[in-house]
Amino acid sequence: MRSPKLMKLVTLEYATLAADIYWTRAVQYYGSKHLGQDTDLESLWPLLDVATTLDPNLLPAYRLVATFLSQPEPRGAGRPDLAVQLLERGLNANPTY
């Protein structure tokens, strides 16, 4: 599922567990694409969007993935705009961190 709002409704009290699963999928997705020399990272943002919506306190997602999104192709997704959006979301959800 690519809809963060729908996933939040479906997972109920298991939202943080689902966020961890989506976070793991995002890391595996990036790793498999990176090792396979595939530069198509189209699904990276939807995975991260769902993970951080389900668990706004998922700090590694904000720290590490902003790098994955902002790096230019072929090493990253080449989407610094989405990286900034993710970091702003992280700052809003975790203002003391």
Protein backbone atom coordinates (compact mmCIF):
# COMPACT_ATOMS: atom_id res chain seq x y z
CA MET A 1 0.00 0.00 0.00
CA ARG A 2 1.25 3.44 -0.87
CA SER A 3 -1.26 5.51 1.07
CA PRO A 4 0.12 6.54 4.47
CA LYS A 5 -3.30 7.63 5.74
CA LEU A 6 -4.91 4.32 4.78
CA MET A 7 -2.07 2.36 6.37
CA LYS A 8 -2.47 4.36 9.58
CA LEU A 9 -6.15 3.39 9.71
CA VAL A 10 -5.53 -0.26 8.86
CA THR A 11 -2.69 -0.88 11.30
CA LEU A 12 -4.42 0.60 14.36
CA GLU A 13 -2.24 0.01 17.44
CA TYR A 14 0.34 -1.83 15.35
CA ALA A 15 1.38 1.30 13.46
CA THR A 16 4.92 1.36 14.89
CA LEU A 17 5.44 -2.30 13.97
CA ALA A 18 4.20 -1.60 10.44
CA ALA A 19 6.49 1.44 10.29
CA ASP A 20 9.46 -0.77 11.17
CA ILE A 21 8.48 -3.18 8.41
CA TYR A 22 8.22 -0.36 5.86
CA TRP A 23 11.54 1.08 7.07
CA THR A 24 13.18 -2.33 6.61
CA ARG A 25 11.66 -2.63 3.15
CA ALA A 26 12.99 0.82 2.24
CA VAL A 27 16.52 -0.08 3.33
CA GLN A 28 16.39 -3.40 1.50
CA TYR A 29 14.97 -1.70 -1.60
CA TYR A 30 17.73 0.90 -1.65
CA GLY A 31 20.42 -1.71 -0.98
CA SER A 32 19.23 -4.06 -3.71
CA LYS A 33 18.98 -1.24 -6.24
CA HIS A 34 22.37 0.15 -5.25
CA LEU A 35 24.15 -3.21 -5.43
CA GLY A 36 22.46 -4.09 -8.70
CA GLN A 37 23.54 -0.79 -10.29
CA ASP A 38 19.87 0.05 -10.91
CA THR A 39 19.25 3.79 -10.71
CA ASP A 40 15.44 3.62 -10.63
CA LEU A 41 14.57 4.54 -7.03
CA GLU A 42 10.96 5.47 -7.75
CA SER A 43 9.52 3.41 -4.87
CA LEU A 44 11.89 4.78 -2.22
CA TRP A 45 9.82 7.84 -1.36
CA PRO A 46 6.47 6.00 -0.97
CA LEU A 47 8.08 3.47 1.39
CA LEU A 48 9.61 6.25 3.49
CA ASP A 49 6.45 8.31 3.43
CA VAL A 50 4.44 5.42 4.86
CA ALA A 51 7.10 4.52 7.43
CA THR A 52 7.43 8.04 8.81
CA THR A 53 3.70 8.64 8.79
CA LEU A 54 3.07 5.46 10.77
CA ASP A 55 5.83 6.27 13.26
CA PRO A 56 6.81 9.95 13.35
CA ASN A 57 9.53 9.09 15.90
CA LEU A 58 11.42 6.77 13.53
CA LEU A 59 14.62 8.81 13.83
CA PRO A 60 16.93 6.69 11.61
CA ALA A 61 14.56 7.24 8.70
CA TYR A 62 14.97 10.99 8.95
CA ARG A 63 18.73 10.92 9.43
CA LEU A 64 19.80 8.35 6.88
CA VAL A 65 17.17 8.46 4.23
CA ALA A 66 17.41 12.16 3.60
CA THR A 67 20.87 11.28 2.31
CA PHE A 68 19.50 8.52 0.04
CA LEU A 69 16.91 10.88 -1.39
CA SER A 70 19.16 13.88 -1.87
CA GLN A 71 22.15 12.19 -3.49
CA PRO A 72 22.27 12.71 -7.24
CA GLU A 73 21.63 9.78 -9.53
CA PRO A 74 22.96 7.10 -9.88
CA ARG A 75 23.94 6.86 -6.17
CA GLY A 76 20.68 8.28 -4.89
CA ALA A 77 17.19 9.26 -5.94
CA GLY A 78 18.18 12.79 -6.97
CA ARG A 79 15.25 14.29 -5.06
CA PRO A 80 16.59 16.88 -2.60
CA ASP A 81 13.10 18.40 -2.44
CA LEU A 82 11.74 15.20 -0.91
CA ALA A 83 14.75 14.99 1.42
CA VAL A 84 14.00 18.47 2.75
CA GLN A 85 10.32 17.57 3.14
CA LEU A 86 11.28 14.46 5.12
CA LEU A 87 13.68 16.40 7.35
CA GLU A 88 11.05 19.08 8.02
CA ARG A 89 8.58 16.35 8.97
CA GLY A 90 11.16 14.88 11.32
CA LEU A 91 11.85 18.25 12.94
CA ASN A 92 8.15 18.89 13.45
CA ALA A 93 7.56 15.46 14.97
CA ASN A 94 10.71 15.53 17.14
CA PRO A 95 11.49 19.17 18.01
CA THR A 96 13.77 18.30 20.94
CA TYR A 97 15.93 15.85 19.02
